[in-house]
Amino acid sequence: MKVRKFGLGDASLERSPGQQGDIYAGNVIDQRHGGPITIGYGRYGPNQRLEETMAVDDVMLILEGRISVTSRSSTVTAGPGEFIYMPRGEAVIILSHEQGALTAYVTYPHWQEARG
């Protein structure tokens, strides 16, 4: 793979698998490109809730809005310029706040393959 640049316009945002809420994800790099990680964007509508047991290690960078993630041990809230790390196997509840959120994510390995 060569060095490349991506922006939000390069992501085809689709509803996150297995949920009916106003939550969308779009990969810009994934298994189709031959690298070991997936990189993409996520868009959360206002006051959305997603419950998930992490199938991959996931790092989320908040670009706009705020996201809170609750696990067995704690709740963290992040805003623009802050990261949230969610380790593989952790049961989490991801909540967007009243303004919704735009995020960028990196997962290892590829989340689509891990979800099977």
Protein backbone atom coordinates (compact mmCIF):
# COMPACT_ATOMS: atom_id res chain seq x y z
CA MET A 1 0.00 0.00 0.00
CA LYS A 2 1.22 3.51 -0.75
CA VAL A 3 1.02 6.63 1.39
CA ARG A 4 -2.45 8.13 1.07
CA LYS A 5 -4.58 10.92 2.52
CA PHE A 6 -8.27 10.58 3.44
CA GLY A 7 -11.07 12.86 4.54
CA LEU A 8 -14.66 12.40 5.63
CA GLY A 9 -15.79 12.63 2.00
CA ASP A 10 -13.89 9.42 1.26
CA ALA A 11 -16.01 7.39 3.70
CA SER A 12 -19.30 5.83 2.65
CA LEU A 13 -21.21 6.06 5.94
CA GLU A 14 -23.63 3.18 6.54
CA ARG A 15 -25.75 2.24 9.55
CA SER A 16 -23.61 0.39 12.08
CA PRO A 17 -24.25 -3.38 11.86
CA GLY A 18 -26.82 -4.84 14.22
CA GLN A 19 -28.48 -1.60 15.33
CA GLN A 20 -31.35 0.59 14.22
CA GLY A 21 -30.27 3.91 15.71
CA ASP A 22 -28.87 7.03 14.09
CA ILE A 23 -25.28 5.70 14.16
CA TYR A 24 -23.19 5.31 11.01
CA ALA A 25 -19.69 4.03 10.21
CA GLY A 26 -17.57 4.22 7.07
CA ASN A 27 -14.17 2.63 6.54
CA VAL A 28 -11.54 4.36 4.43
CA ILE A 29 -8.88 1.65 4.99
CA ASP A 30 -9.69 -1.97 5.78
CA GLN A 31 -8.93 -5.57 4.81
CA ARG A 32 -9.49 -4.76 1.12
CA HIS A 33 -6.36 -2.57 1.18
CA GLY A 34 -3.99 -5.19 2.64
CA GLY A 35 -3.06 -3.44 5.88
CA PRO A 36 -3.52 -4.88 9.39
CA ILE A 37 -5.90 -2.16 10.70
CA THR A 38 -9.22 -0.56 9.83
CA ILE A 39 -9.48 3.24 9.79
CA GLY A 40 -12.73 5.11 9.31
CA TYR A 41 -15.28 7.65 10.46
CA GLY A 42 -18.37 7.39 12.63
CA ARG A 43 -21.34 9.71 12.90
CA TYR A 44 -23.69 9.59 15.90
CA GLY A 45 -27.00 11.42 15.94
CA PRO A 46 -28.08 13.20 19.13
CA ASN A 47 -28.62 11.04 22.23
CA GLN A 48 -27.81 7.70 20.63
CA ARG A 49 -26.94 4.52 22.56
CA LEU A 50 -24.94 1.55 21.30
CA GLU A 51 -24.27 -1.53 23.45
CA GLU A 52 -21.38 -3.67 22.23
CA THR A 53 -18.90 -6.26 23.39
CA MET A 54 -15.74 -5.22 21.59
CA ALA A 55 -14.65 -7.82 19.03
CA VAL A 56 -11.48 -5.79 18.32
CA ASP A 57 -9.23 -3.23 19.98
CA ASP A 58 -10.81 0.11 19.05
CA VAL A 59 -9.45 3.65 19.37
CA MET A 60 -11.98 6.44 18.78
CA LEU A 61 -10.92 10.06 18.21
CA ILE A 62 -13.70 12.56 18.84
CA LEU A 63 -13.73 15.19 16.09
CA GLU A 64 -17.03 16.96 16.95
CA GLY A 65 -19.51 16.67 19.81
CA ARG A 66 -19.11 14.43 22.87
CA ILE A 67 -19.13 10.67 23.45
CA SER A 68 -19.39 8.80 26.76
CA VAL A 69 -18.36 5.16 27.08
CA THR A 70 -19.38 3.09 30.09
CA SER A 71 -17.72 -0.24 30.92
CA ARG A 72 -17.81 -2.49 33.97
CA SER A 73 -15.20 -0.37 35.72
CA SER A 74 -15.84 3.24 34.70
CA THR A 75 -17.42 5.87 32.49
CA VAL A 76 -15.29 8.21 30.39
CA THR A 77 -16.46 11.21 28.38
CA ALA A 78 -14.44 12.75 25.57
CA GLY A 79 -14.78 15.78 23.31
CA PRO A 80 -12.97 17.15 20.27
CA GLY A 81 -9.31 16.17 20.12
CA GLU A 82 -9.63 13.42 22.75
CA PHE A 83 -9.32 9.63 22.33
CA ILE A 84 -11.24 6.76 23.89
CA TYR A 85 -9.65 3.30 23.87
CA MET A 86 -11.94 0.25 24.08
CA PRO A 87 -10.08 -3.07 24.44
CA ARG A 88 -11.14 -6.30 22.79
CA GLY A 89 -13.57 -8.27 24.97
CA GLU A 90 -14.82 -5.24 26.95
CA ALA A 91 -18.61 -4.81 27.17
CA VAL A 92 -19.35 -1.12 26.59
CA ILE A 93 -22.25 1.28 26.22
CA ILE A 94 -21.44 4.15 23.87
CA LEU A 95 -23.58 7.28 24.27
CA SER A 96 -23.66 10.42 22.18
CA HIS A 97 -24.79 13.65 23.80
CA GLU A 98 -27.41 16.16 22.69
CA GLN A 99 -25.32 17.55 19.81
CA GLY A 100 -24.38 14.13 18.36
CA ALA A 101 -20.77 13.37 17.42
CA LEU A 102 -18.34 12.83 14.57
CA THR A 103 -15.51 10.40 15.28
CA ALA A 104 -12.57 8.77 13.57
CA TYR A 105 -11.60 5.22 14.54
CA VAL A 106 -8.77 2.74 14.22
CA THR A 107 -9.37 -0.96 14.95
CA TYR A 108 -7.12 -3.98 15.14
CA PRO A 109 -7.82 -6.40 13.67
CA HIS A 110 -10.45 -5.49 11.07
CA TRP A 111 -13.82 -5.09 12.81
CA GLN A 112 -15.84 -6.42 9.86
CA GLU A 113 -13.90 -9.70 9.86
CA ALA A 114 -14.04 -10.01 13.66
CA ARG A 115 -17.84 -9.61 13.67
CA GLY A 116 -17.99 -12.50 11.22
